[in-house]
C-alpha atoms as a PDB file:
ATOM      1  CA  MET A   1      -0.179   0.019   0.073  1.00  0.00           C
ATOM      2  CA  PRO A   2       1.774   2.877  -0.701  1.00  0.00           C
ATOM      3  CA  ASP A   3       2.515   5.374   2.087  1.00  0.00           C
ATOM      4  CA  LYS A   4       0.756   8.529   2.356  1.00  0.00           C
ATOM      5  CA  ALA A   5      -2.530   5.189   1.988  1.00  0.00           C
ATOM      6  CA  LYS A   6      -1.090   3.106   5.218  1.00  0.00           C
ATOM      7  CA  ASP A   7      -0.644   7.106   7.388  1.00  0.00           C
ATOM      8  CA  LEU A   8      -4.065   8.169   7.011  1.00  0.00           C
ATOM      9  CA  LEU A   9      -5.490   4.886   7.694  1.00  0.00           C
ATOM     10  CA  GLU A  10      -2.837   3.860  10.506  1.00  0.00           C
ATOM     11  CA  GLN A  11      -3.522   7.425  11.967  1.00  0.00           C
ATOM     12  CA  ALA A  12      -7.443   6.883  11.458  1.00  0.00           C
ATOM     13  CA  ILE A  13      -7.075   3.293  13.224  1.00  0.00           C
ATOM     14  CA  ASP A  14      -5.456   5.108  16.372  1.00  0.00           C
ATOM     15  CA  SER A  15      -7.906   7.700  16.381  1.00  0.00           C
ATOM     16  CA  SER A  16     -10.686   4.854  15.530  1.00  0.00           C
ATOM     17  CA  ILE A  17     -11.333   4.481  19.960  1.00  0.00           C
ATOM     18  CA  ASN A  18     -11.618   8.403  21.109  1.00  0.00           C
ATOM     19  CA  ALA A  19     -11.750  10.631  18.220  1.00  0.00           C
ATOM     20  CA  PRO A  20     -14.562   8.151  15.010  1.00  0.00           C
ATOM     21  CA  ALA A  21     -15.131  11.461  13.730  1.00  0.00           C
ATOM     22  CA  GLY A  22     -11.721  12.282  12.531  1.00  0.00           C
ATOM     23  CA  ALA A  23     -11.673   8.199  12.057  1.00  0.00           C
ATOM     24  CA  VAL A  24     -13.868   8.778   9.407  1.00  0.00           C
ATOM     25  CA  MET A  25     -12.697  11.655   7.613  1.00  0.00           C
ATOM     26  CA  LEU A  26      -8.889   9.420   7.251  1.00  0.00           C
ATOM     27  CA  THR A  27     -10.454   6.856   6.228  1.00  0.00           C
ATOM     28  CA  ALA A  28     -12.447   8.928   3.310  1.00  0.00           C
ATOM     29  CA  SER A  29      -7.769  10.667   3.009  1.00  0.00           C
ATOM     30  CA  SER A  30      -6.818   6.786   2.206  1.00  0.00           C
ATOM     31  CA  ILE A  31      -9.059   5.822   0.612  1.00  0.00           C
ATOM     32  CA  ASP A  32      -8.475   9.471  -1.480  1.00  0.00           C
ATOM     33  CA  ALA A  33      -4.583   8.182  -1.412  1.00  0.00           C
ATOM     34  CA  MET A  34      -4.340   5.308  -3.274  1.00  0.00           C
ATOM     35  CA  LEU A  35      -6.828   6.245  -5.265  1.00  0.00           C
ATOM     36  CA  LYS A  36      -4.358   9.055  -6.791  1.00  0.00           C
ATOM     37  CA  ALA A  37      -1.747   6.216  -6.739  1.00  0.00           C
ATOM     38  CA  LYS A  38      -3.302   3.860  -8.490  1.00  0.00           C
ATOM     39  CA  GLY A  39      -3.288   6.927 -11.566  1.00  0.00           C
ATOM     40  CA  LEU A  40      -6.742   9.104 -11.284  1.00  0.00           C
ATOM     41  CA  THR A  41      -6.178  12.048 -10.389  1.00  0.00           C
ATOM     42  CA  GLU A  42      -8.093  13.735 -12.224  1.00  0.00           C
ATOM     43  CA  GLY A  43     -11.213  15.574 -10.118  1.00  0.00           C
ATOM     44  CA  SER A  44     -13.203  15.249  -7.131  1.00  0.00           C
ATOM     45  CA  LEU A  45     -13.068  12.194  -5.209  1.00  0.00           C
ATOM     46  CA  TYR A  46     -16.459  10.965  -6.269  1.00  0.00           C
ATOM     47  CA  ALA A  47     -15.115  11.331  -9.823  1.00  0.00           C
ATOM     48  CA  ARG A  48     -11.673   8.606  -8.956  1.00  0.00           C
ATOM     49  CA  ILE A  49     -14.890   6.191  -7.238  1.00  0.00           C
ATOM     50  CA  LYS A  50     -17.515   6.206 -10.300  1.00  0.00           C
ATOM     51  CA  LYS A  51     -14.177   5.892 -12.193  1.00  0.00           C
ATOM     52  CA  ALA A  52     -11.612   2.227 -10.458  1.00  0.00           C
ATOM     53  CA  ALA A  53     -15.324   1.152 -10.873  1.00  0.00           C
ATOM     54  CA  GLU A  54     -16.022   2.388 -14.861  1.00  0.00           C
ATOM     55  CA  GLN A  55     -11.992   0.489 -15.103  1.00  0.00           C
ATOM     56  CA  ASN A  56     -12.461  -2.656 -12.824  1.00  0.00           C
ATOM     57  CA  LEU A  57      -9.009  -1.314 -10.126  1.00  0.00           C
ATOM     58  CA  ILE A  58     -12.932  -1.966  -8.287  1.00  0.00           C
ATOM     59  CA  THR A  59     -16.571  -3.407  -8.426  1.00  0.00           C
ATOM     60  CA  GLU A  60     -20.270  -1.529  -8.299  1.00  0.00           C
ATOM     61  CA  ASP A  61     -20.468  -2.561  -4.369  1.00  0.00           C
ATOM     62  CA  MET A  62     -16.714  -0.982  -3.697  1.00  0.00           C
ATOM     63  CA  ALA A  63     -17.560   2.017  -5.272  1.00  0.00           C
ATOM     64  CA  ASP A  64     -20.751   2.150  -3.390  1.00  0.00           C
ATOM     65  CA  TRP A  65     -19.466   1.263  -0.372  1.00  0.00           C
ATOM     66  CA  ALA A  66     -16.134   3.848  -1.097  1.00  0.00           C
ATOM     67  CA  HIS A  67     -18.620   6.960  -2.011  1.00  0.00           C
ATOM     68  CA  GLU A  68     -20.588   5.524   1.196  1.00  0.00           C
ATOM     69  CA  VAL A  69     -17.459   6.431   3.673  1.00  0.00           C
ATOM     70  CA  ARG A  70     -17.170   9.618   1.300  1.00  0.00           C
ATOM     71  CA  LEU A  71     -20.409  10.872   1.831  1.00  0.00           C
ATOM     72  CA  ASN A  72     -19.912  10.014   5.657  1.00  0.00           C
ATOM     73  CA  ALA A  73     -16.671  12.649   6.532  1.00  0.00           C
ATOM     74  CA  ASN A  74     -18.324  14.929   3.959  1.00  0.00           C
ATOM     75  CA  ASP A  75     -21.151  15.084   7.357  1.00  0.00           C
ATOM     76  CA  GLN A  76     -18.668  15.182   9.744  1.00  0.00           C
ATOM     77  CA  ARG A  77     -15.988  17.520   7.652  1.00  0.00           C
ATOM     78  CA  HIS A  78     -19.153  20.443   6.957  1.00  0.00           C
ATOM     79  CA  ALA A  79     -20.454  20.132  10.970  1.00  0.00           C
ATOM     80  CA  ASP A  80     -23.797  18.874   8.622  1.00  0.00           C
ATOM     81  CA  GLU A  81     -26.672  19.418  12.102  1.00  0.00           C
ATOM     82  CA  SER A  82     -27.887  16.752  10.387  1.00  0.00           C
ATOM     83  CA  ALA A  83     -25.662  14.011  10.780  1.00  0.00           C
ATOM     84  CA  SER A  84     -24.904  11.871  13.629  1.00  0.00           C
ATOM     85  CA  LEU A  85     -21.433  11.641  15.000  1.00  0.00           C
ATOM     86  CA  PRO A  86     -20.497   8.349  14.064  1.00  0.00           C
ATOM     87  CA  THR A  87     -19.993   5.415  16.890  1.00  0.00           C
ATOM     88  CA  SER A  88     -16.351   3.859  17.520  1.00  0.00           C
ATOM     89  CA  GLU A  89     -18.675   0.908  15.121  1.00  0.00           C
ATOM     90  CA  ASP A  90     -18.318   3.182  13.092  1.00  0.00           C
ATOM     91  CA  ALA A  91     -14.610   4.331  12.432  1.00  0.00           C
ATOM     92  CA  LYS A  92     -13.626   0.134  12.988  1.00  0.00           C
ATOM     93  CA  ARG A  93     -16.322  -0.515   9.891  1.00  0.00           C
ATOM     94  CA  VAL A  94     -14.977   2.268   7.256  1.00  0.00           C
ATOM     95  CA  ILE A  95     -11.663   1.277   8.645  1.00  0.00           C
ATOM     96  CA  ASP A  96     -12.273  -2.203   6.731  1.00  0.00           C
ATOM     97  CA  PHE A  97     -13.281  -1.580   3.949  1.00  0.00           C
ATOM     98  CA  VAL A  98     -10.773   0.632   3.564  1.00  0.00           C
ATOM     99  CA  GLN A  99      -8.165  -2.217   4.771  1.00  0.00           C
ATOM    100  CA  ALA A 100      -9.763  -4.189   3.056  1.00  0.00           C
ATOM    101  CA  LEU A 101      -9.563  -1.956  -0.488  1.00  0.00           C
ATOM    102  CA  GLY A 102      -5.820  -1.834  -0.047  1.00  0.00           C
ATOM    103  CA  MET A 103      -5.621  -5.385  -0.297  1.00  0.00           C
ATOM    104  CA  VAL A 104      -7.441  -5.693  -3.380  1.00  0.00           C
ATOM    105  CA  LEU A 105      -6.125  -2.460  -5.720  1.00  0.00           C
ATOM    106  CA  PHE A 106      -2.313  -3.518  -3.841  1.00  0.00           C
ATOM    107  CA  VAL A 107      -1.639  -6.418  -2.138  1.00  0.00           C
ATOM    108  CA  LEU A 108      -3.188  -8.907  -4.499  1.00  0.00           C
ATOM    109  CA  PRO A 109      -1.956  -7.674  -7.342  1.00  0.00           C
ATOM    110  CA  ALA A 110       1.184  -7.911  -5.770  1.00  0.00           C
ATOM    111  CA  ARG A 111       1.659 -11.183  -4.219  1.00  0.00           C
ATOM    112  CA  VAL A 112      -0.594 -12.727  -8.143  1.00  0.00           C
ATOM    113  CA  ARG A 113       2.812 -10.687  -9.860  1.00  0.00           C
ATOM    114  CA  ARG A 114       4.805 -11.540  -6.820  1.00  0.00           C
ATOM    115  CA  GLY A 115       3.530 -15.511  -8.157  1.00  0.00           C
ATOM    116  CA  ILE A 116       3.777 -15.039 -11.707  1.00  0.00           C
ATOM    117  CA  GLU A 117       7.469 -14.622 -11.676  1.00  0.00           C
ATOM    118  CA  SER A 118       7.377 -16.918  -9.176  1.00  0.00           C
ATOM    119  CA  ALA A 119       6.294 -19.398 -12.018  1.00  0.00           C
ATOM    120  CA  LYS A 120       8.588 -18.571 -15.056  1.00  0.00           C
ATOM    121  CA  ASP A 121      11.836 -18.813 -12.881  1.00  0.00           C
ATOM    122  CA  SER A 122      10.799 -22.394 -12.035  1.00  0.00           C
END
């Protein structure tokens, strides 16, 4: 996983119990950093998530969940009066998703490449 995305995710994990609203915002930033590391740098986070699904980097379901994380982070960032503060359970749920997203975008492809290289060497 790219350093910036990993650092943001680690900060989210560290703050999930005492500052779940901050953790939710950090997870959205981690998603953004991951997509930028995949070359999706144009437009808003909304546009990057949509483009990632169009390019089959992520599934439509993963895009839907990423949009949910983005919207929840926006609620906190803008202090939306109609939105409740997230709980530590809410923070854990979005952290679990971002960890899974990192696996799909970076960890699994790296393992596949290593497996292919290993098979060629055999």
